[in-house]
Amino acid sequence: MTTTTPKRADALENRHVILAAALEALTESPDVSLNAIAKRAGIANGTLYRHFPTREALVLAVYQCDIEEMRDAATRLLAEHAPLDALREWLRSLAACAMTKHGLADAMRLATGAGKSLFPETYQAMKAAIGELLAAGEAAGVVRPGLDPELVLLALCGIWQLDPGAHWRGQADDLIDLLVTGLAGDAASRG
């Protein structure tokens, strides 16, 4: 029988420190070296390579953490806000992630190659988050019934077309308002 031993507390802490440093570094420069990331994390190169043997493994882990945070944010926001407000806040978080982490997106393309698919499971996680937000809105009567989370994801593509310069936030808010108004349709006036 195979058993996996839990990671030591210091190993888990090192992993978290590496991921945080990598997120910062990759956001700033998609081609930052692993040595520079180790230095930023304050750990030895060997420690970084024990956790992430390749650049691709590290970049993918950083990306996966971001996706998990966005997935968890949907549930958290629904606990804190009315469904339509939770949806709007989640979309704002997604826009902020897209605009402030362009370097991470570039690093993903570099690490995985231009033609390689970026993880069906992460797409499914985003679809699930949107589905959860839409279902809560539908149950509250503030979102049109029967909306497909996948179509909402497609509608969000405009966010990634924004220039991450000084005025992206206003443009993103306008896009989000337009999208949320469309998702609510007549339901908001009934709810």
C-alpha atoms as a PDB file:
ATOM      1  CA  MET A   1       0.000   0.000   0.000  1.00  0.00           C
ATOM      2  CA  THR A   2       1.332   3.414  -0.916  1.00  0.00           C
ATOM      3  CA  THR A   3       1.028   6.284   1.453  1.00  0.00           C
ATOM      4  CA  THR A   4       2.052   9.841   0.979  1.00  0.00           C
ATOM      5  CA  THR A   5       3.614  11.588   3.877  1.00  0.00           C
ATOM      6  CA  PRO A   6       2.474  15.106   4.572  1.00  0.00           C
ATOM      7  CA  LYS A   7       4.963  17.823   3.770  1.00  0.00           C
ATOM      8  CA  ARG A   8       6.858  19.310   6.646  1.00  0.00           C
ATOM      9  CA  ALA A   9       5.710  22.717   7.803  1.00  0.00           C
ATOM     10  CA  ASP A  10       8.922  24.375   6.603  1.00  0.00           C
ATOM     11  CA  ALA A  11       8.585  22.748   3.181  1.00  0.00           C
ATOM     12  CA  LEU A  12       5.023  24.041   2.885  1.00  0.00           C
ATOM     13  CA  GLU A  13       6.141  27.483   3.985  1.00  0.00           C
ATOM     14  CA  ASN A  14       8.946  27.430   1.387  1.00  0.00           C
ATOM     15  CA  ARG A  15       6.438  26.470  -1.296  1.00  0.00           C
ATOM     16  CA  HIS A  16       4.158  29.388  -0.355  1.00  0.00           C
ATOM     17  CA  VAL A  17       7.101  31.812  -0.270  1.00  0.00           C
ATOM     18  CA  ILE A  18       8.309  30.598  -3.673  1.00  0.00           C
ATOM     19  CA  LEU A  19       4.838  30.930  -5.208  1.00  0.00           C
ATOM     20  CA  ALA A  20       4.379  34.454  -3.821  1.00  0.00           C
ATOM     21  CA  ALA A  21       7.808  35.549  -5.064  1.00  0.00           C
ATOM     22  CA  ALA A  22       7.207  33.912  -8.443  1.00  0.00           C
ATOM     23  CA  LEU A  23       3.851  35.646  -8.848  1.00  0.00           C
ATOM     24  CA  GLU A  24       5.427  39.044  -8.183  1.00  0.00           C
ATOM     25  CA  ALA A  25       8.431  38.383 -10.402  1.00  0.00           C
ATOM     26  CA  LEU A  26       6.494  36.850 -13.305  1.00  0.00           C
ATOM     27  CA  THR A  27       3.956  39.664 -13.193  1.00  0.00           C
ATOM     28  CA  GLU A  28       6.803  42.155 -13.600  1.00  0.00           C
ATOM     29  CA  SER A  29       8.729  40.188 -16.226  1.00  0.00           C
ATOM     30  CA  PRO A  30       7.527  37.007 -17.929  1.00  0.00           C
ATOM     31  CA  ASP A  31      11.060  35.814 -18.679  1.00  0.00           C
ATOM     32  CA  VAL A  32      12.516  36.328 -15.196  1.00  0.00           C
ATOM     33  CA  SER A  33      15.042  33.635 -14.314  1.00  0.00           C
ATOM     34  CA  LEU A  34      14.392  30.960 -11.724  1.00  0.00           C
ATOM     35  CA  ASN A  35      17.560  32.118  -9.954  1.00  0.00           C
ATOM     36  CA  ALA A  36      16.060  35.615  -9.620  1.00  0.00           C
ATOM     37  CA  ILE A  37      12.856  34.112  -8.228  1.00  0.00           C
ATOM     38  CA  ALA A  38      14.815  32.055  -5.680  1.00  0.00           C
ATOM     39  CA  LYS A  39      16.732  35.169  -4.644  1.00  0.00           C
ATOM     40  CA  ARG A  40      13.511  37.166  -4.289  1.00  0.00           C
ATOM     41  CA  ALA A  41      12.035  34.346  -2.182  1.00  0.00           C
ATOM     42  CA  GLY A  42      15.145  34.305   0.006  1.00  0.00           C
ATOM     43  CA  ILE A  43      15.805  30.622  -0.581  1.00  0.00           C
ATOM     44  CA  ALA A  44      18.530  28.554  -2.199  1.00  0.00           C
ATOM     45  CA  ASN A  45      18.183  27.557  -5.847  1.00  0.00           C
ATOM     46  CA  GLY A  46      18.130  23.901  -4.812  1.00  0.00           C
ATOM     47  CA  THR A  47      15.088  24.520  -2.627  1.00  0.00           C
ATOM     48  CA  LEU A  48      13.244  26.078  -5.544  1.00  0.00           C
ATOM     49  CA  TYR A  49      14.163  23.177  -7.830  1.00  0.00           C
ATOM     50  CA  ARG A  50      13.080  20.594  -5.227  1.00  0.00           C
ATOM     51  CA  HIS A  51       9.608  22.117  -5.270  1.00  0.00           C
ATOM     52  CA  PHE A  52       9.496  23.022  -8.954  1.00  0.00           C
ATOM     53  CA  PRO A  53      11.955  21.053 -11.097  1.00  0.00           C
ATOM     54  CA  THR A  54      11.189  23.089 -14.224  1.00  0.00           C
ATOM     55  CA  ARG A  55      10.198  26.621 -15.100  1.00  0.00           C
ATOM     56  CA  GLU A  56       6.973  25.273 -16.579  1.00  0.00           C
ATOM     57  CA  ALA A  57       6.099  23.536 -13.285  1.00  0.00           C
ATOM     58  CA  LEU A  58       6.570  26.779 -11.353  1.00  0.00           C
ATOM     59  CA  VAL A  59       4.628  28.946 -13.795  1.00  0.00           C
ATOM     60  CA  LEU A  60       1.795  26.417 -13.887  1.00  0.00           C
ATOM     61  CA  ALA A  61       1.651  26.269 -10.088  1.00  0.00           C
ATOM     62  CA  VAL A  62       1.434  30.072  -9.878  1.00  0.00           C
ATOM     63  CA  TYR A  63      -1.325  30.081 -12.483  1.00  0.00           C
ATOM     64  CA  GLN A  64      -3.190  27.298 -10.669  1.00  0.00           C
ATOM     65  CA  CYS A  65      -3.057  29.281  -7.404  1.00  0.00           C
ATOM     66  CA  ASP A  66      -4.558  32.304  -9.160  1.00  0.00           C
ATOM     67  CA  ILE A  67      -7.367  30.191 -10.607  1.00  0.00           C
ATOM     68  CA  GLU A  68      -8.079  28.605  -7.215  1.00  0.00           C
ATOM     69  CA  GLU A  69      -8.244  32.058  -5.627  1.00  0.00           C
ATOM     70  CA  MET A  70     -10.734  33.220  -8.263  1.00  0.00           C
ATOM     71  CA  ARG A  71     -12.786  30.051  -7.788  1.00  0.00           C
ATOM     72  CA  ASP A  72     -12.871  30.476  -4.005  1.00  0.00           C
ATOM     73  CA  ALA A  73     -13.675  34.177  -4.335  1.00  0.00           C
ATOM     74  CA  ALA A  74     -17.057  33.367  -5.909  1.00  0.00           C
ATOM     75  CA  THR A  75     -18.181  31.464  -2.813  1.00  0.00           C
ATOM     76  CA  ARG A  76     -16.742  34.054  -0.440  1.00  0.00           C
ATOM     77  CA  LEU A  77     -18.349  36.976  -2.276  1.00  0.00           C
ATOM     78  CA  LEU A  78     -21.741  35.254  -2.271  1.00  0.00           C
ATOM     79  CA  ALA A  79     -21.467  34.890   1.506  1.00  0.00           C
ATOM     80  CA  GLU A  80     -20.682  38.616   1.852  1.00  0.00           C
ATOM     81  CA  HIS A  81     -22.894  40.265  -0.810  1.00  0.00           C
ATOM     82  CA  ALA A  82     -26.214  40.040  -2.590  1.00  0.00           C
ATOM     83  CA  PRO A  83     -25.889  37.811  -5.696  1.00  0.00           C
ATOM     84  CA  LEU A  84     -25.746  40.586  -8.304  1.00  0.00           C
ATOM     85  CA  ASP A  85     -23.218  42.553  -6.239  1.00  0.00           C
ATOM     86  CA  ALA A  86     -21.161  39.371  -5.732  1.00  0.00           C
ATOM     87  CA  LEU A  87     -21.143  38.788  -9.492  1.00  0.00           C
ATOM     88  CA  ARG A  88     -20.071  42.375 -10.154  1.00  0.00           C
ATOM     89  CA  GLU A  89     -17.269  42.204  -7.548  1.00  0.00           C
ATOM     90  CA  TRP A  90     -16.062  38.858  -8.888  1.00  0.00           C
ATOM     91  CA  LEU A  91     -15.921  40.284 -12.409  1.00  0.00           C
ATOM     92  CA  ARG A  92     -13.965  43.286 -11.111  1.00  0.00           C
ATOM     93  CA  SER A  93     -11.504  40.920  -9.431  1.00  0.00           C
ATOM     94  CA  LEU A  94     -11.143  38.996 -12.668  1.00  0.00           C
ATOM     95  CA  ALA A  95     -10.504  42.225 -14.590  1.00  0.00           C
ATOM     96  CA  ALA A  96      -7.911  43.343 -12.034  1.00  0.00           C
ATOM     97  CA  CYS A  97      -6.208  39.965 -12.288  1.00  0.00           C
ATOM     98  CA  ALA A  98      -6.169  40.173 -16.081  1.00  0.00           C
ATOM     99  CA  MET A  99      -4.817  43.717 -16.145  1.00  0.00           C
ATOM    100  CA  THR A 100      -2.242  43.538 -13.370  1.00  0.00           C
ATOM    101  CA  LYS A 101      -0.866  40.106 -14.211  1.00  0.00           C
ATOM    102  CA  HIS A 102      -0.133  40.463 -17.905  1.00  0.00           C
ATOM    103  CA  GLY A 103       3.400  39.253 -17.226  1.00  0.00           C
ATOM    104  CA  LEU A 104       2.023  36.032 -15.758  1.00  0.00           C
ATOM    105  CA  ALA A 105      -0.083  35.460 -18.869  1.00  0.00           C
ATOM    106  CA  ASP A 106       3.001  36.030 -21.021  1.00  0.00           C
ATOM    107  CA  ALA A 107       4.997  33.657 -18.811  1.00  0.00           C
ATOM    108  CA  MET A 108       2.277  31.025 -19.272  1.00  0.00           C
ATOM    109  CA  ARG A 109       2.547  31.344 -23.044  1.00  0.00           C
ATOM    110  CA  LEU A 110       6.350  31.095 -22.848  1.00  0.00           C
ATOM    111  CA  ALA A 111       6.280  28.126 -20.468  1.00  0.00           C
ATOM    112  CA  THR A 112       3.644  26.086 -22.257  1.00  0.00           C
ATOM    113  CA  GLY A 113       4.289  27.038 -25.867  1.00  0.00           C
ATOM    114  CA  ALA A 114       1.941  29.022 -28.045  1.00  0.00           C
ATOM    115  CA  GLY A 115      -0.024  26.049 -29.346  1.00  0.00           C
ATOM    116  CA  LYS A 116      -0.524  24.175 -26.082  1.00  0.00           C
ATOM    117  CA  SER A 117      -3.922  24.269 -24.391  1.00  0.00           C
ATOM    118  CA  LEU A 118      -4.006  25.983 -21.021  1.00  0.00           C
ATOM    119  CA  PHE A 119      -5.560  23.396 -18.779  1.00  0.00           C
ATOM    120  CA  PRO A 120      -9.117  22.352 -19.304  1.00  0.00           C
ATOM    121  CA  GLU A 121      -9.424  21.982 -15.515  1.00  0.00           C
ATOM    122  CA  THR A 122      -8.709  25.672 -14.931  1.00  0.00           C
ATOM    123  CA  TYR A 123     -11.269  26.615 -17.554  1.00  0.00           C
ATOM    124  CA  GLN A 124     -13.730  24.349 -15.774  1.00  0.00           C
ATOM    125  CA  ALA A 125     -12.933  26.033 -12.445  1.00  0.00           C
ATOM    126  CA  MET A 126     -13.681  29.467 -13.909  1.00  0.00           C
ATOM    127  CA  LYS A 127     -16.846  28.138 -15.512  1.00  0.00           C
ATOM    128  CA  ALA A 128     -17.893  26.647 -12.159  1.00  0.00           C
ATOM    129  CA  ALA A 129     -17.300  29.967 -10.378  1.00  0.00           C
ATOM    130  CA  ILE A 130     -19.435  31.828 -12.897  1.00  0.00           C
ATOM    131  CA  GLY A 131     -22.036  29.062 -12.719  1.00  0.00           C
ATOM    132  CA  GLU A 132     -22.209  29.412  -8.943  1.00  0.00           C
ATOM    133  CA  LEU A 133     -22.663  33.184  -9.205  1.00  0.00           C
ATOM    134  CA  LEU A 134     -25.311  32.871 -11.927  1.00  0.00           C
ATOM    135  CA  ALA A 135     -27.227  30.179 -10.013  1.00  0.00           C
ATOM    136  CA  ALA A 136     -27.331  32.354  -6.891  1.00  0.00           C
ATOM    137  CA  GLY A 137     -28.533  35.300  -8.959  1.00  0.00           C
ATOM    138  CA  GLU A 138     -31.156  33.190 -10.688  1.00  0.00           C
ATOM    139  CA  ALA A 139     -32.379  31.791  -7.342  1.00  0.00           C
ATOM    140  CA  ALA A 140     -32.671  35.361  -6.017  1.00  0.00           C
ATOM    141  CA  GLY A 141     -34.541  36.410  -9.160  1.00  0.00           C
ATOM    142  CA  VAL A 142     -31.954  39.004 -10.189  1.00  0.00           C
ATOM    143  CA  VAL A 143     -30.321  37.156 -13.094  1.00  0.00           C
ATOM    144  CA  ARG A 144     -32.087  35.874 -16.193  1.00  0.00           C
ATOM    145  CA  PRO A 145     -32.784  32.149 -15.935  1.00  0.00           C
ATOM    146  CA  GLY A 146     -30.919  29.563 -17.960  1.00  0.00           C
ATOM    147  CA  LEU A 147     -27.719  31.487 -18.685  1.00  0.00           C
ATOM    148  CA  ASP A 148     -24.777  29.365 -19.811  1.00  0.00           C
ATOM    149  CA  PRO A 149     -21.580  30.075 -17.817  1.00  0.00           C
ATOM    150  CA  GLU A 150     -19.521  29.275 -20.906  1.00  0.00           C
ATOM    151  CA  LEU A 151     -21.225  32.040 -22.882  1.00  0.00           C
ATOM    152  CA  VAL A 152     -20.548  34.462 -20.040  1.00  0.00           C
ATOM    153  CA  LEU A 153     -16.857  33.501 -20.201  1.00  0.00           C
ATOM    154  CA  LEU A 154     -16.882  34.204 -23.925  1.00  0.00           C
ATOM    155  CA  ALA A 155     -18.519  37.583 -23.281  1.00  0.00           C
ATOM    156  CA  LEU A 156     -15.698  38.402 -20.855  1.00  0.00           C
ATOM    157  CA  CYS A 157     -13.066  38.159 -23.586  1.00  0.00           C
ATOM    158  CA  GLY A 158     -13.226  41.927 -24.056  1.00  0.00           C
ATOM    159  CA  ILE A 159     -11.501  42.402 -20.714  1.00  0.00           C
ATOM    160  CA  TRP A 160      -8.340  40.772 -22.068  1.00  0.00           C
ATOM    161  CA  GLN A 161      -8.364  43.184 -25.001  1.00  0.00           C
ATOM    162  CA  LEU A 162      -7.993  46.240 -22.762  1.00  0.00           C
ATOM    163  CA  ASP A 163      -4.693  48.055 -22.596  1.00  0.00           C
ATOM    164  CA  PRO A 164      -3.318  47.557 -19.081  1.00  0.00           C
ATOM    165  CA  GLY A 165      -2.297  51.224 -19.050  1.00  0.00           C
ATOM    166  CA  ALA A 166      -3.722  53.952 -16.850  1.00  0.00           C
ATOM    167  CA  HIS A 167      -7.386  53.832 -17.928  1.00  0.00           C
ATOM    168  CA  TRP A 168      -8.143  50.118 -17.902  1.00  0.00           C
ATOM    169  CA  ARG A 169     -10.155  50.210 -14.658  1.00  0.00           C
ATOM    170  CA  GLY A 170     -12.801  52.606 -16.008  1.00  0.00           C
ATOM    171  CA  GLN A 171     -13.086  50.653 -19.245  1.00  0.00           C
ATOM    172  CA  ALA A 172     -13.323  47.371 -17.338  1.00  0.00           C
ATOM    173  CA  ASP A 173     -16.058  48.803 -15.097  1.00  0.00           C
ATOM    174  CA  ASP A 174     -17.987  49.915 -18.188  1.00  0.00           C
ATOM    175  CA  LEU A 175     -17.676  46.437 -19.720  1.00  0.00           C
ATOM    176  CA  ILE A 176     -18.713  44.799 -16.447  1.00  0.00           C
ATOM    177  CA  ASP A 177     -21.722  47.124 -16.070  1.00  0.00           C
ATOM    178  CA  LEU A 178     -22.780  46.317 -19.620  1.00  0.00           C
ATOM    179  CA  LEU A 179     -22.402  42.587 -19.024  1.00  0.00           C
ATOM    180  CA  VAL A 180     -24.180  42.567 -15.650  1.00  0.00           C
ATOM    181  CA  THR A 181     -27.056  44.641 -17.054  1.00  0.00           C
ATOM    182  CA  GLY A 182     -27.420  42.110 -19.850  1.00  0.00           C
ATOM    183  CA  LEU A 183     -27.242  39.167 -17.452  1.00  0.00           C
ATOM    184  CA  ALA A 184     -29.892  40.715 -15.213  1.00  0.00           C
ATOM    185  CA  GLY A 185     -32.193  41.647 -18.099  1.00  0.00           C
ATOM    186  CA  ASP A 186     -35.765  41.942 -16.846  1.00  0.00           C
ATOM    187  CA  ALA A 187     -34.962  39.748 -13.837  1.00  0.00           C
ATOM    188  CA  ALA A 188     -33.506  42.642 -11.815  1.00  0.00           C
ATOM    189  CA  SER A 189     -36.734  44.634 -12.063  1.00  0.00           C
ATOM    190  CA  ARG A 190     -38.719  41.566 -10.924  1.00  0.00           C
ATOM    191  CA  GLY A 191     -36.279  40.587  -8.135  1.00  0.00           C
END
